[in-house]
Amino acid sequence: MENLDKSAFLQHFAQLEQPLREEILAHSTFKHLKEGEEALRTGQYITSTVLLSEGLLKVYREDDEGKEFLMYYLEPGNACALSMMCSARDTQSQIRVKAVDDAEIILIPSHLSELWLARYKSWHNFVIASYRQRFEELLQTLDSIAFKGLDERLLFYLKRHVKVSGKQIRLSHQQIATELSSSREVISRLLKKLEQTGAITLNRNYIQVHDLEKV
């Protein structure tokens, strides 16, 4: 077990009952991830529920050519709902989970996660809320793909980044293009148009967001 910032854990999971938090501290595995390190990979058998105590995680799918489909982000206090479902059935992961920033994750053995559903009301509520939140985010993502043009999808993508990581988006144009299944040239052109409206400023290593609502 690695060292854990218990204060961060207690802060972000304060809604859980005290006896449950004590069990999590006693029986779970705590792991530090460096930026870019994977928490889960495609094909891996999932035996634990993943909670995030610090940092930011990206949950996505990847095709055979390496193209990524961003599903959602996990912020401190969140759980990966898909890891909950997969660990309960002891099945292989169909997703990848990567640390966007240095992160602290908590790995709860699947048998304990199942046991706590009946034992702790706060855990039951937390699991249901996690499922609901992730489902709503997936619907928003699917809507942006099915019903919106690339310019609107880019705007939705940037707004989501601002929500989870602030107004400095440290992604290259190629990274954004990969996640939106487009080309770097097209994304660069759309970003330049946004800059001309005053909504963003393009810098060498990051995008500074000013006001995406004015677009």
N, C-alpha and C. Protein backbone atom coordinates (compact mmCIF):
# COMPACT_ATOMS: atom_id res chain seq x y z
N MET A 1 0.85 -1.20 0.00
CA MET A 1 0.00 0.00 0.00
C MET A 1 0.88 1.25 0.00
N GLU A 2 0.56 2.18 -0.88
CA GLU A 2 1.34 3.41 -0.96
C GLU A 2 0.80 4.42 0.03
N ASN A 3 1.63 5.44 0.29
CA ASN A 3 1.18 6.50 1.20
C ASN A 3 -0.02 7.23 0.60
N LEU A 4 -0.97 7.56 1.41
CA LEU A 4 -2.18 8.21 0.97
C LEU A 4 -2.38 9.50 1.73
N ASP A 5 -2.81 10.53 1.01
CA ASP A 5 -3.20 11.78 1.66
C ASP A 5 -4.61 11.56 2.22
N LYS A 6 -4.69 11.17 3.49
CA LYS A 6 -5.97 10.84 4.08
C LYS A 6 -6.89 12.05 4.13
N SER A 7 -6.32 13.23 4.27
CA SER A 7 -7.16 14.44 4.34
C SER A 7 -7.91 14.64 3.04
N ALA A 8 -7.27 14.36 1.89
CA ALA A 8 -7.94 14.49 0.60
C ALA A 8 -9.04 13.46 0.47
N PHE A 9 -8.77 12.25 0.90
CA PHE A 9 -9.78 11.20 0.85
C PHE A 9 -11.00 11.58 1.70
N LEU A 10 -10.75 12.00 2.93
CA LEU A 10 -11.85 12.36 3.83
C LEU A 10 -12.64 13.55 3.31
N GLN A 11 -11.94 14.48 2.67
CA GLN A 11 -12.61 15.67 2.13
C GLN A 11 -13.54 15.32 0.97
N HIS A 12 -13.04 14.51 0.04
CA HIS A 12 -13.80 14.26 -1.19
C HIS A 12 -14.84 13.15 -1.04
N PHE A 13 -14.74 12.37 0.04
CA PHE A 13 -15.71 11.30 0.25
C PHE A 13 -16.39 11.45 1.61
N ALA A 14 -16.64 12.71 1.98
CA ALA A 14 -17.24 13.01 3.28
C ALA A 14 -18.68 12.50 3.39
N GLN A 15 -19.33 12.26 2.25
CA GLN A 15 -20.71 11.81 2.28
C GLN A 15 -20.84 10.35 2.71
N LEU A 16 -19.74 9.62 2.70
CA LEU A 16 -19.77 8.21 3.11
C LEU A 16 -19.75 8.10 4.63
N GLU A 17 -20.42 7.10 5.15
CA GLU A 17 -20.48 6.90 6.59
C GLU A 17 -19.08 6.63 7.16
N GLN A 18 -18.87 7.09 8.39
CA GLN A 18 -17.57 6.95 9.02
C GLN A 18 -17.09 5.50 9.07
N PRO A 19 -17.92 4.53 9.48
CA PRO A 19 -17.45 3.13 9.48
C PRO A 19 -17.04 2.65 8.09
N LEU A 20 -17.74 3.12 7.06
CA LEU A 20 -17.39 2.74 5.69
C LEU A 20 -16.05 3.32 5.30
N ARG A 21 -15.82 4.58 5.61
CA ARG A 21 -14.53 5.19 5.29
C ARG A 21 -13.40 4.47 5.99
N GLU A 22 -13.64 4.04 7.21
CA GLU A 22 -12.63 3.27 7.94
C GLU A 22 -12.34 1.94 7.24
N GLU A 23 -13.39 1.31 6.72
CA GLU A 23 -13.18 0.05 6.00
C GLU A 23 -12.40 0.28 4.71
N ILE A 24 -12.71 1.36 4.02
CA ILE A 24 -11.98 1.68 2.79
C ILE A 24 -10.50 1.88 3.08
N LEU A 25 -10.22 2.63 4.14
CA LEU A 25 -8.82 2.87 4.52
C LEU A 25 -8.11 1.58 4.91
N ALA A 26 -8.85 0.66 5.51
CA ALA A 26 -8.23 -0.57 6.02
C ALA A 26 -8.05 -1.65 4.95
N HIS A 27 -8.95 -1.71 3.97
CA HIS A 27 -8.98 -2.88 3.09
C HIS A 27 -8.72 -2.59 1.62
N SER A 28 -8.62 -1.33 1.24
CA SER A 28 -8.42 -1.00 -0.17
C SER A 28 -6.94 -0.77 -0.47
N THR A 29 -6.62 -0.76 -1.76
CA THR A 29 -5.26 -0.47 -2.21
C THR A 29 -5.22 0.97 -2.71
N PHE A 30 -4.25 1.72 -2.26
CA PHE A 30 -4.10 3.12 -2.66
C PHE A 30 -2.87 3.23 -3.55
N LYS A 31 -3.05 3.88 -4.68
CA LYS A 31 -1.99 3.91 -5.69
C LYS A 31 -1.80 5.32 -6.25
N HIS A 32 -0.56 5.72 -6.41
CA HIS A 32 -0.24 7.00 -7.04
C HIS A 32 0.04 6.76 -8.52
N LEU A 33 -0.57 7.57 -9.37
CA LEU A 33 -0.35 7.51 -10.81
C LEU A 33 0.33 8.79 -11.27
N LYS A 34 1.35 8.65 -12.09
CA LYS A 34 1.97 9.81 -12.70
C LYS A 34 1.18 10.21 -13.95
N GLU A 35 1.32 11.44 -14.37
CA GLU A 35 0.65 11.92 -15.57
C GLU A 35 0.91 10.98 -16.75
N GLY A 36 -0.15 10.54 -17.40
CA GLY A 36 -0.02 9.65 -18.55
C GLY A 36 -0.05 8.17 -18.20
N GLU A 37 0.04 7.83 -16.92
CA GLU A 37 0.04 6.43 -16.51
C GLU A 37 -1.38 5.88 -16.50
N GLU A 38 -1.53 4.61 -16.87
CA GLU A 38 -2.84 4.00 -16.96
C GLU A 38 -3.29 3.39 -15.64
N ALA A 39 -4.56 3.59 -15.34
CA ALA A 39 -5.18 2.92 -14.20
C ALA A 39 -5.85 1.63 -14.64
N LEU A 40 -6.41 1.63 -15.85
CA LEU A 40 -7.03 0.46 -16.46
C LEU A 40 -6.69 0.44 -17.94
N ARG A 41 -6.58 -0.74 -18.50
CA ARG A 41 -6.33 -0.87 -19.93
C ARG A 41 -7.33 -1.85 -20.54
N THR A 42 -7.53 -1.72 -21.83
CA THR A 42 -8.46 -2.60 -22.55
C THR A 42 -8.00 -4.05 -22.45
N GLY A 43 -8.94 -4.94 -22.13
CA GLY A 43 -8.63 -6.37 -22.04
C GLY A 43 -8.24 -6.83 -20.65
N GLN A 44 -7.98 -5.91 -19.78
CA GLN A 44 -7.60 -6.26 -18.41
C GLN A 44 -8.81 -6.72 -17.62
N TYR A 45 -8.64 -7.81 -16.85
CA TYR A 45 -9.72 -8.23 -15.97
C TYR A 45 -9.81 -7.26 -14.79
N ILE A 46 -11.00 -6.74 -14.58
CA ILE A 46 -11.19 -5.75 -13.54
C ILE A 46 -11.68 -6.45 -12.27
N THR A 47 -10.92 -6.31 -11.22
CA THR A 47 -11.27 -6.94 -9.95
C THR A 47 -11.50 -5.92 -8.85
N SER A 48 -11.45 -4.64 -9.22
CA SER A 48 -11.60 -3.58 -8.22
C SER A 48 -12.44 -2.44 -8.77
N THR A 49 -13.12 -1.76 -7.86
CA THR A 49 -13.79 -0.50 -8.18
C THR A 49 -12.79 0.63 -8.00
N VAL A 50 -12.75 1.55 -8.97
CA VAL A 50 -11.78 2.64 -8.96
C VAL A 50 -12.43 3.92 -8.44
N LEU A 51 -11.87 4.47 -7.37
CA LEU A 51 -12.25 5.79 -6.87
C LEU A 51 -11.08 6.74 -7.08
N LEU A 52 -11.38 8.02 -7.26
CA LEU A 52 -10.33 9.02 -7.43
C LEU A 52 -10.31 9.96 -6.24
N SER A 53 -9.15 10.03 -5.58
CA SER A 53 -8.99 10.90 -4.42
C SER A 53 -8.36 12.24 -4.78
N GLU A 54 -7.41 12.22 -5.73
CA GLU A 54 -6.74 13.44 -6.18
C GLU A 54 -6.41 13.33 -7.65
N GLY A 55 -6.35 14.48 -8.33
CA GLY A 55 -5.95 14.50 -9.73
C GLY A 55 -7.12 14.46 -10.69
N LEU A 56 -6.85 14.00 -11.91
CA LEU A 56 -7.85 13.94 -12.96
C LEU A 56 -7.58 12.71 -13.82
N LEU A 57 -8.63 11.93 -14.09
CA LEU A 57 -8.52 10.74 -14.93
C LEU A 57 -9.38 10.89 -16.18
N LYS A 58 -8.90 10.34 -17.27
CA LYS A 58 -9.65 10.31 -18.53
C LYS A 58 -10.09 8.87 -18.81
N VAL A 59 -11.38 8.69 -19.05
CA VAL A 59 -11.94 7.38 -19.38
C VAL A 59 -12.30 7.40 -20.86
N TYR A 60 -11.74 6.45 -21.64
CA TYR A 60 -11.96 6.49 -23.08
C TYR A 60 -11.84 5.10 -23.69
N ARG A 61 -12.30 5.00 -24.93
CA ARG A 61 -12.11 3.79 -25.73
C ARG A 61 -11.11 4.10 -26.83
N GLU A 62 -10.45 3.04 -27.30
CA GLU A 62 -9.43 3.22 -28.33
C GLU A 62 -9.60 2.13 -29.39
N ASP A 63 -9.58 2.51 -30.67
CA ASP A 63 -9.73 1.51 -31.72
C ASP A 63 -8.39 0.91 -32.10
N ASP A 64 -8.40 0.01 -33.09
CA ASP A 64 -7.17 -0.71 -33.47
C ASP A 64 -6.12 0.22 -34.07
N GLU A 65 -6.55 1.38 -34.54
CA GLU A 65 -5.61 2.33 -35.14
C GLU A 65 -5.11 3.37 -34.15
N GLY A 66 -5.55 3.24 -32.88
CA GLY A 66 -5.11 4.17 -31.86
C GLY A 66 -5.96 5.41 -31.71
N LYS A 67 -7.06 5.49 -32.45
CA LYS A 67 -7.96 6.64 -32.32
C LYS A 67 -8.74 6.53 -31.02
N GLU A 68 -8.87 7.65 -30.33
CA GLU A 68 -9.51 7.65 -29.02
C GLU A 68 -10.92 8.23 -29.10
N PHE A 69 -11.80 7.66 -28.29
CA PHE A 69 -13.15 8.20 -28.11
C PHE A 69 -13.30 8.53 -26.64
N LEU A 70 -13.30 9.82 -26.33
CA LEU A 70 -13.41 10.25 -24.94
C LEU A 70 -14.82 9.99 -24.42
N MET A 71 -14.91 9.31 -23.29
CA MET A 71 -16.21 9.01 -22.69
C MET A 71 -16.54 10.01 -21.60
N TYR A 72 -15.65 10.17 -20.62
CA TYR A 72 -15.86 11.16 -19.57
C TYR A 72 -14.58 11.31 -18.76
N TYR A 73 -14.57 12.31 -17.91
CA TYR A 73 -13.47 12.53 -16.98
C TYR A 73 -13.91 12.17 -15.57
N LEU A 74 -12.95 11.80 -14.75
CA LEU A 74 -13.19 11.58 -13.33
C LEU A 74 -12.45 12.65 -12.54
N GLU A 75 -13.18 13.31 -11.65
CA GLU A 75 -12.61 14.30 -10.75
C GLU A 75 -12.54 13.72 -9.34
N PRO A 76 -11.77 14.35 -8.43
CA PRO A 76 -11.71 13.86 -7.05
C PRO A 76 -13.11 13.72 -6.43
N GLY A 77 -13.34 12.57 -5.81
CA GLY A 77 -14.65 12.28 -5.25
C GLY A 77 -15.52 11.45 -6.16
N ASN A 78 -15.04 11.19 -7.41
CA ASN A 78 -15.78 10.38 -8.37
C ASN A 78 -15.35 8.93 -8.33
N ALA A 79 -16.22 8.07 -8.87
CA ALA A 79 -15.90 6.66 -9.08
C ALA A 79 -16.08 6.34 -10.55
N CYS A 80 -15.32 5.39 -11.05
CA CYS A 80 -15.50 4.93 -12.42
C CYS A 80 -16.64 3.92 -12.42
N ALA A 81 -17.81 4.34 -12.94
CA ALA A 81 -18.99 3.48 -12.91
C ALA A 81 -18.78 2.20 -13.71
N LEU A 82 -18.04 2.29 -14.81
CA LEU A 82 -17.80 1.11 -15.62
C LEU A 82 -16.94 0.10 -14.88
N SER A 83 -16.01 0.58 -14.04
CA SER A 83 -15.22 -0.36 -13.24
C SER A 83 -16.08 -1.06 -12.21
N MET A 84 -17.11 -0.36 -11.72
CA MET A 84 -18.05 -0.98 -10.78
C MET A 84 -18.78 -2.15 -11.43
N MET A 85 -19.28 -1.91 -12.65
CA MET A 85 -20.03 -2.94 -13.34
C MET A 85 -19.14 -4.12 -13.73
N CYS A 86 -17.96 -3.82 -14.25
CA CYS A 86 -17.06 -4.89 -14.69
C CYS A 86 -16.52 -5.71 -13.54
N SER A 87 -16.18 -5.04 -12.43
CA SER A 87 -15.63 -5.78 -11.29
C SER A 87 -16.68 -6.70 -10.68
N ALA A 88 -17.95 -6.28 -10.73
CA ALA A 88 -19.02 -7.10 -10.17
C ALA A 88 -19.18 -8.39 -10.96
N ARG A 89 -18.86 -8.35 -12.26
CA ARG A 89 -19.04 -9.52 -13.12
C ARG A 89 -17.72 -10.20 -13.44
N ASP A 90 -16.60 -9.65 -12.95
CA ASP A 90 -15.28 -10.19 -13.22
C ASP A 90 -15.06 -10.37 -14.73
N THR A 91 -15.33 -9.30 -15.48
CA THR A 91 -15.17 -9.33 -16.93
C THR A 91 -14.00 -8.45 -17.34
N GLN A 92 -13.65 -8.56 -18.62
CA GLN A 92 -12.54 -7.77 -19.15
C GLN A 92 -12.98 -6.34 -19.44
N SER A 93 -12.06 -5.44 -19.24
CA SER A 93 -12.35 -4.03 -19.48
C SER A 93 -12.42 -3.74 -20.97
N GLN A 94 -13.41 -2.93 -21.35
CA GLN A 94 -13.53 -2.44 -22.71
C GLN A 94 -13.13 -0.97 -22.80
N ILE A 95 -12.53 -0.46 -21.75
CA ILE A 95 -12.15 0.95 -21.69
C ILE A 95 -10.71 1.08 -21.25
N ARG A 96 -10.19 2.28 -21.40
CA ARG A 96 -8.88 2.64 -20.85
C ARG A 96 -9.08 3.82 -19.92
N VAL A 97 -8.34 3.85 -18.84
CA VAL A 97 -8.39 4.96 -17.89
C VAL A 97 -6.97 5.45 -17.67
N LYS A 98 -6.74 6.73 -17.97
CA LYS A 98 -5.39 7.29 -17.91
C LYS A 98 -5.39 8.55 -17.05
N ALA A 99 -4.29 8.76 -16.34
CA ALA A 99 -4.14 9.96 -15.52
C ALA A 99 -3.79 11.15 -16.41
N VAL A 100 -4.63 12.18 -16.37
CA VAL A 100 -4.35 13.42 -17.08
C VAL A 100 -3.32 14.23 -16.30
N ASP A 101 -3.47 14.25 -14.99
CA ASP A 101 -2.50 14.84 -14.06
C ASP A 101 -2.06 13.75 -13.10
N ASP A 102 -1.05 14.02 -12.30
CA ASP A 102 -0.70 13.09 -11.23
C ASP A 102 -1.95 12.83 -10.40
N ALA A 103 -2.18 11.58 -10.05
CA ALA A 103 -3.44 11.23 -9.40
C ALA A 103 -3.23 10.22 -8.29
N GLU A 104 -4.17 10.21 -7.35
CA GLU A 104 -4.24 9.19 -6.29
C GLU A 104 -5.54 8.43 -6.48
N ILE A 105 -5.44 7.12 -6.70
CA ILE A 105 -6.64 6.32 -6.88
C ILE A 105 -6.77 5.31 -5.75
N ILE A 106 -8.00 4.89 -5.52
CA ILE A 106 -8.32 3.91 -4.49
C ILE A 106 -8.96 2.72 -5.18
N LEU A 107 -8.40 1.54 -4.97
CA LEU A 107 -8.89 0.32 -5.60
C LEU A 107 -9.58 -0.54 -4.55
N ILE A 108 -10.90 -0.66 -4.67
CA ILE A 108 -11.70 -1.41 -3.71
C ILE A 108 -11.98 -2.79 -4.28
N PRO A 109 -11.60 -3.86 -3.58
CA PRO A 109 -11.87 -5.22 -4.07
C PRO A 109 -13.36 -5.41 -4.37
N SER A 110 -13.65 -6.10 -5.47
CA SER A 110 -15.03 -6.21 -5.94
C SER A 110 -15.96 -6.85 -4.91
N HIS A 111 -15.47 -7.83 -4.15
CA HIS A 111 -16.34 -8.50 -3.19
C HIS A 111 -16.76 -7.54 -2.06
N LEU A 112 -15.88 -6.62 -1.71
CA LEU A 112 -16.23 -5.64 -0.68
C LEU A 112 -17.23 -4.61 -1.22
N SER A 113 -17.01 -4.19 -2.46
CA SER A 113 -17.93 -3.23 -3.07
C SER A 113 -19.34 -3.80 -3.10
N GLU A 114 -19.46 -5.08 -3.43
CA GLU A 114 -20.77 -5.74 -3.45
C GLU A 114 -21.35 -5.86 -2.04
N LEU A 115 -20.52 -6.24 -1.09
CA LEU A 115 -20.97 -6.39 0.29
C LEU A 115 -21.48 -5.08 0.86
N TRP A 116 -20.78 -3.99 0.57
CA TRP A 116 -21.14 -2.69 1.13
C TRP A 116 -22.46 -2.15 0.58
N LEU A 117 -22.90 -2.63 -0.57
CA LEU A 117 -24.18 -2.17 -1.11
C LEU A 117 -25.33 -2.47 -0.16
N ALA A 118 -25.25 -3.61 0.50
CA ALA A 118 -26.30 -3.99 1.46
C ALA A 118 -26.01 -3.45 2.85
N ARG A 119 -24.76 -3.24 3.16
CA ARG A 119 -24.38 -2.87 4.53
C ARG A 119 -24.47 -1.36 4.77
N TYR A 120 -24.13 -0.57 3.76
CA TYR A 120 -24.05 0.88 3.96
C TYR A 120 -24.94 1.62 2.97
N LYS A 121 -25.89 2.35 3.49
CA LYS A 121 -26.81 3.12 2.64
C LYS A 121 -26.06 4.18 1.84
N SER A 122 -25.05 4.80 2.47
CA SER A 122 -24.32 5.86 1.77
C SER A 122 -23.57 5.30 0.56
N TRP A 123 -23.07 4.06 0.66
CA TRP A 123 -22.38 3.43 -0.47
C TRP A 123 -23.37 3.11 -1.59
N HIS A 124 -24.53 2.59 -1.21
CA HIS A 124 -25.59 2.31 -2.19
C HIS A 124 -25.96 3.59 -2.94
N ASN A 125 -26.16 4.67 -2.23
CA ASN A 125 -26.52 5.94 -2.86
C ASN A 125 -25.39 6.46 -3.75
N PHE A 126 -24.15 6.29 -3.29
CA PHE A 126 -22.99 6.74 -4.05
C PHE A 126 -22.87 5.98 -5.37
N VAL A 127 -23.07 4.67 -5.34
CA VAL A 127 -22.99 3.85 -6.55
C VAL A 127 -24.07 4.25 -7.54
N ILE A 128 -25.31 4.39 -7.06
CA ILE A 128 -26.40 4.77 -7.95
C ILE A 128 -26.16 6.15 -8.55
N ALA A 129 -25.70 7.10 -7.74
CA ALA A 129 -25.42 8.44 -8.23
C ALA A 129 -24.30 8.42 -9.28
N SER A 130 -23.31 7.57 -9.09
CA SER A 130 -22.21 7.45 -10.05
C SER A 130 -22.71 6.93 -11.38
N TYR A 131 -23.55 5.89 -11.34
CA TYR A 131 -24.14 5.36 -12.58
C TYR A 131 -24.92 6.45 -13.31
N ARG A 132 -25.74 7.19 -12.57
CA ARG A 132 -26.59 8.22 -13.18
C ARG A 132 -25.75 9.33 -13.81
N GLN A 133 -24.74 9.79 -13.10
CA GLN A 133 -23.91 10.88 -13.61
C GLN A 133 -23.16 10.47 -14.87
N ARG A 134 -22.56 9.27 -14.86
CA ARG A 134 -21.82 8.82 -16.03
C ARG A 134 -22.75 8.60 -17.22
N PHE A 135 -23.96 8.08 -16.97
CA PHE A 135 -24.92 7.86 -18.04
C PHE A 135 -25.32 9.18 -18.68
N GLU A 136 -25.57 10.19 -17.87
CA GLU A 136 -25.94 11.50 -18.40
C GLU A 136 -24.81 12.10 -19.22
N GLU A 137 -23.56 11.91 -18.77
CA GLU A 137 -22.43 12.44 -19.52
C GLU A 137 -22.27 11.72 -20.85
N LEU A 138 -22.49 10.41 -20.86
CA LEU A 138 -22.40 9.65 -22.11
C LEU A 138 -23.49 10.09 -23.09
N LEU A 139 -24.69 10.37 -22.59
CA LEU A 139 -25.75 10.85 -23.46
C LEU A 139 -25.37 12.18 -24.09
N GLN A 140 -24.77 13.07 -23.31
CA GLN A 140 -24.34 14.36 -23.84
C GLN A 140 -23.29 14.18 -24.93
N THR A 141 -22.36 13.24 -24.70
CA THR A 141 -21.32 12.98 -25.68
C THR A 141 -21.91 12.41 -26.96
N LEU A 142 -22.82 11.46 -26.83
CA LEU A 142 -23.46 10.87 -28.00
C LEU A 142 -24.27 11.90 -28.77
N ASP A 143 -24.96 12.78 -28.05
CA ASP A 143 -25.73 13.84 -28.70
C ASP A 143 -24.82 14.75 -29.51
N SER A 144 -23.66 15.06 -28.95
CA SER A 144 -22.74 15.95 -29.66
C SER A 144 -22.22 15.32 -30.94
N ILE A 145 -22.09 14.00 -30.94
CA ILE A 145 -21.60 13.29 -32.13
C ILE A 145 -22.70 13.12 -33.17
N ALA A 146 -23.90 12.74 -32.70
CA ALA A 146 -24.98 12.40 -33.61
C ALA A 146 -25.68 13.61 -34.22
N PHE A 147 -25.77 14.69 -33.46
CA PHE A 147 -26.63 15.79 -33.88
C PHE A 147 -25.91 17.12 -34.12
N LYS A 148 -24.60 17.18 -33.93
CA LYS A 148 -23.91 18.45 -34.04
C LYS A 148 -22.77 18.36 -35.05
N GLY A 149 -22.47 19.52 -35.66
CA GLY A 149 -21.33 19.59 -36.55
C GLY A 149 -20.04 19.64 -35.77
N LEU A 150 -18.91 19.56 -36.48
CA LEU A 150 -17.62 19.51 -35.81
C LEU A 150 -17.34 20.77 -35.02
N ASP A 151 -17.78 21.93 -35.50
CA ASP A 151 -17.54 23.17 -34.77
C ASP A 151 -18.27 23.15 -33.42
N GLU A 152 -19.50 22.61 -33.40
CA GLU A 152 -20.25 22.52 -32.15
C GLU A 152 -19.65 21.45 -31.23
N ARG A 153 -19.18 20.37 -31.82
CA ARG A 153 -18.54 19.31 -31.03
C ARG A 153 -17.27 19.83 -30.36
N LEU A 154 -16.51 20.65 -31.10
CA LEU A 154 -15.29 21.23 -30.53
C LEU A 154 -15.64 22.15 -29.37
N LEU A 155 -16.69 22.93 -29.53
CA LEU A 155 -17.11 23.83 -28.46
C LEU A 155 -17.53 23.04 -27.22
N PHE A 156 -18.30 21.99 -27.42
CA PHE A 156 -18.72 21.11 -26.32
C PHE A 156 -17.49 20.49 -25.64
N TYR A 157 -16.53 20.07 -26.44
CA TYR A 157 -15.30 19.45 -25.94
C TYR A 157 -14.52 20.44 -25.07
N LEU A 158 -14.38 21.67 -25.53
CA LEU A 158 -13.64 22.68 -24.78
C LEU A 158 -14.35 23.03 -23.47
N LYS A 159 -15.68 23.15 -23.54
CA LYS A 159 -16.43 23.46 -22.33
C LYS A 159 -16.27 22.37 -21.28
N ARG A 160 -16.24 21.13 -21.71
CA ARG A 160 -16.07 20.02 -20.77
C ARG A 160 -14.68 20.07 -20.13
N HIS A 161 -13.67 20.42 -20.92
CA HIS A 161 -12.33 20.55 -20.36
C HIS A 161 -12.26 21.66 -19.33
N VAL A 162 -12.88 22.80 -19.64
CA VAL A 162 -12.89 23.91 -18.69
C VAL A 162 -13.53 23.49 -17.39
N LYS A 163 -14.60 22.73 -17.47
CA LYS A 163 -15.33 22.31 -16.28
C LYS A 163 -14.47 21.47 -15.35
N VAL A 164 -13.62 20.60 -15.91
CA VAL A 164 -12.86 19.68 -15.07
C VAL A 164 -11.44 20.15 -14.76
N SER A 165 -10.87 21.02 -15.62
CA SER A 165 -9.46 21.36 -15.41
C SER A 165 -9.15 22.85 -15.50
N GLY A 166 -10.17 23.70 -15.64
CA GLY A 166 -9.91 25.13 -15.65
C GLY A 166 -9.74 25.70 -17.04
N LYS A 167 -9.46 26.99 -17.10
CA LYS A 167 -9.47 27.71 -18.38
C LYS A 167 -8.17 27.65 -19.16
N GLN A 168 -7.16 26.97 -18.64
CA GLN A 168 -5.95 26.72 -19.41
C GLN A 168 -5.98 25.26 -19.86
N ILE A 169 -6.19 25.04 -21.14
CA ILE A 169 -6.30 23.69 -21.69
C ILE A 169 -4.96 23.32 -22.30
N ARG A 170 -4.26 22.41 -21.65
CA ARG A 170 -2.91 22.04 -22.10
C ARG A 170 -2.97 20.78 -22.98
N LEU A 171 -3.56 20.96 -24.15
CA LEU A 171 -3.65 19.90 -25.14
C LEU A 171 -3.19 20.44 -26.49
N SER A 172 -2.49 19.62 -27.24
CA SER A 172 -2.08 20.05 -28.57
C SER A 172 -3.26 19.94 -29.53
N HIS A 173 -3.15 20.61 -30.66
CA HIS A 173 -4.19 20.53 -31.67
C HIS A 173 -4.34 19.09 -32.16
N GLN A 174 -3.22 18.35 -32.22
CA GLN A 174 -3.29 16.96 -32.66
C GLN A 174 -4.03 16.09 -31.64
N GLN A 175 -3.80 16.33 -30.36
CA GLN A 175 -4.52 15.57 -29.34
C GLN A 175 -6.02 15.80 -29.43
N ILE A 176 -6.41 17.06 -29.62
CA ILE A 176 -7.84 17.37 -29.75
C ILE A 176 -8.40 16.71 -31.00
N ALA A 177 -7.66 16.77 -32.10
CA ALA A 177 -8.11 16.15 -33.35
C ALA A 177 -8.30 14.65 -33.19
N THR A 178 -7.38 14.00 -32.48
CA THR A 178 -7.48 12.56 -32.27
C THR A 178 -8.75 12.21 -31.50
N GLU A 179 -9.04 12.98 -30.45
CA GLU A 179 -10.20 12.67 -29.63
C GLU A 179 -11.51 13.01 -30.33
N LEU A 180 -11.47 13.91 -31.31
CA LEU A 180 -12.68 14.27 -32.06
C LEU A 180 -12.74 13.59 -33.42
N SER A 181 -11.80 12.66 -33.66
CA SER A 181 -11.75 11.90 -34.93
C SER A 181 -11.72 12.85 -36.13
N SER A 182 -10.85 13.83 -36.04
CA SER A 182 -10.69 14.79 -37.12
C SER A 182 -9.21 14.91 -37.45
N SER A 183 -8.86 15.92 -38.24
CA SER A 183 -7.45 16.15 -38.58
C SER A 183 -6.95 17.39 -37.84
N ARG A 184 -5.64 17.45 -37.66
CA ARG A 184 -5.05 18.59 -36.97
C ARG A 184 -5.33 19.88 -37.71
N GLU A 185 -5.29 19.83 -39.04
CA GLU A 185 -5.48 21.03 -39.85
C GLU A 185 -6.89 21.60 -39.65
N VAL A 186 -7.89 20.72 -39.62
CA VAL A 186 -9.27 21.17 -39.46
C VAL A 186 -9.47 21.76 -38.06
N ILE A 187 -8.95 21.08 -37.05
CA ILE A 187 -9.09 21.57 -35.67
C ILE A 187 -8.37 22.90 -35.50
N SER A 188 -7.20 23.04 -36.07
CA SER A 188 -6.46 24.30 -35.98
C SER A 188 -7.25 25.44 -36.61
N ARG A 189 -7.89 25.16 -37.74
CA ARG A 189 -8.68 26.19 -38.41
C ARG A 189 -9.89 26.61 -37.56
N LEU A 190 -10.56 25.63 -36.94
CA LEU A 190 -11.71 25.95 -36.09
C LEU A 190 -11.29 26.70 -34.83
N LEU A 191 -10.16 26.31 -34.26
CA LEU A 191 -9.66 27.02 -33.08
C LEU A 191 -9.29 28.46 -33.43
N LYS A 192 -8.74 28.66 -34.62
CA LYS A 192 -8.38 30.01 -35.04
C LYS A 192 -9.64 30.87 -35.17
N LYS A 193 -10.73 30.29 -35.66
CA LYS A 193 -11.99 31.03 -35.76
C LYS A 193 -12.51 31.41 -34.38
N LEU A 194 -12.37 30.49 -33.42
CA LEU A 194 -12.79 30.80 -32.05
C LEU A 194 -11.94 31.92 -31.47
N GLU A 195 -10.65 31.91 -31.80
CA GLU A 195 -9.77 32.96 -31.30
C GLU A 195 -10.20 34.32 -31.86
N GLN A 196 -10.62 34.35 -33.10
CA GLN A 196 -11.03 35.61 -33.72
C GLN A 196 -12.28 36.19 -33.07
N THR A 197 -13.10 35.36 -32.44
CA THR A 197 -14.28 35.85 -31.73
C THR A 197 -13.94 36.38 -30.35
N GLY A 198 -12.72 36.10 -29.87
CA GLY A 198 -12.31 36.51 -28.53
C GLY A 198 -12.63 35.49 -27.46
N ALA A 199 -13.15 34.32 -27.88
CA ALA A 199 -13.52 33.29 -26.91
C ALA A 199 -12.31 32.61 -26.31
N ILE A 200 -11.22 32.49 -27.08
CA ILE A 200 -10.00 31.83 -26.63
C ILE A 200 -8.78 32.59 -27.15
N THR A 201 -7.63 32.27 -26.57
CA THR A 201 -6.36 32.73 -27.10
C THR A 201 -5.47 31.51 -27.28
N LEU A 202 -4.89 31.36 -28.45
CA LEU A 202 -4.02 30.22 -28.74
C LEU A 202 -2.60 30.59 -28.36
N ASN A 203 -2.01 29.81 -27.47
CA ASN A 203 -0.62 29.99 -27.05
C ASN A 203 0.22 28.81 -27.52
N ARG A 204 1.50 28.88 -27.27
CA ARG A 204 2.42 27.86 -27.77
C ARG A 204 2.10 26.48 -27.20
N ASN A 205 1.86 26.40 -25.90
CA ASN A 205 1.69 25.10 -25.26
C ASN A 205 0.31 24.89 -24.63
N TYR A 206 -0.57 25.86 -24.81
CA TYR A 206 -1.89 25.71 -24.21
C TYR A 206 -2.89 26.65 -24.87
N ILE A 207 -4.17 26.41 -24.59
CA ILE A 207 -5.26 27.25 -25.05
C ILE A 207 -5.83 27.97 -23.84
N GLN A 208 -5.85 29.29 -23.88
CA GLN A 208 -6.45 30.07 -22.80
C GLN A 208 -7.90 30.37 -23.16
N VAL A 209 -8.80 29.90 -22.33
CA VAL A 209 -10.23 30.12 -22.58
C VAL A 209 -10.67 31.38 -21.85
N HIS A 210 -11.43 32.22 -22.56
CA HIS A 210 -11.97 33.45 -21.99
C HIS A 210 -13.48 33.32 -21.73
N ASP A 211 -14.23 33.11 -22.80
CA ASP A 211 -15.69 33.03 -22.66
C ASP A 211 -16.27 32.24 -23.83
N LEU A 212 -16.54 30.97 -23.61
CA LEU A 212 -17.09 30.12 -24.65
C LEU A 212 -18.58 30.33 -24.85
N GLU A 213 -19.22 31.00 -23.90
CA GLU A 213 -20.65 31.22 -24.01
C GLU A 213 -21.00 32.31 -25.03
N LYS A 214 -20.02 33.13 -25.38
CA LYS A 214 -20.27 34.22 -26.31
C LYS A 214 -20.27 33.76 -27.76
N VAL A 215 -19.86 32.51 -28.01
CA VAL A 215 -19.76 32.02 -29.38
C VAL A 215 -21.16 31.72 -29.92
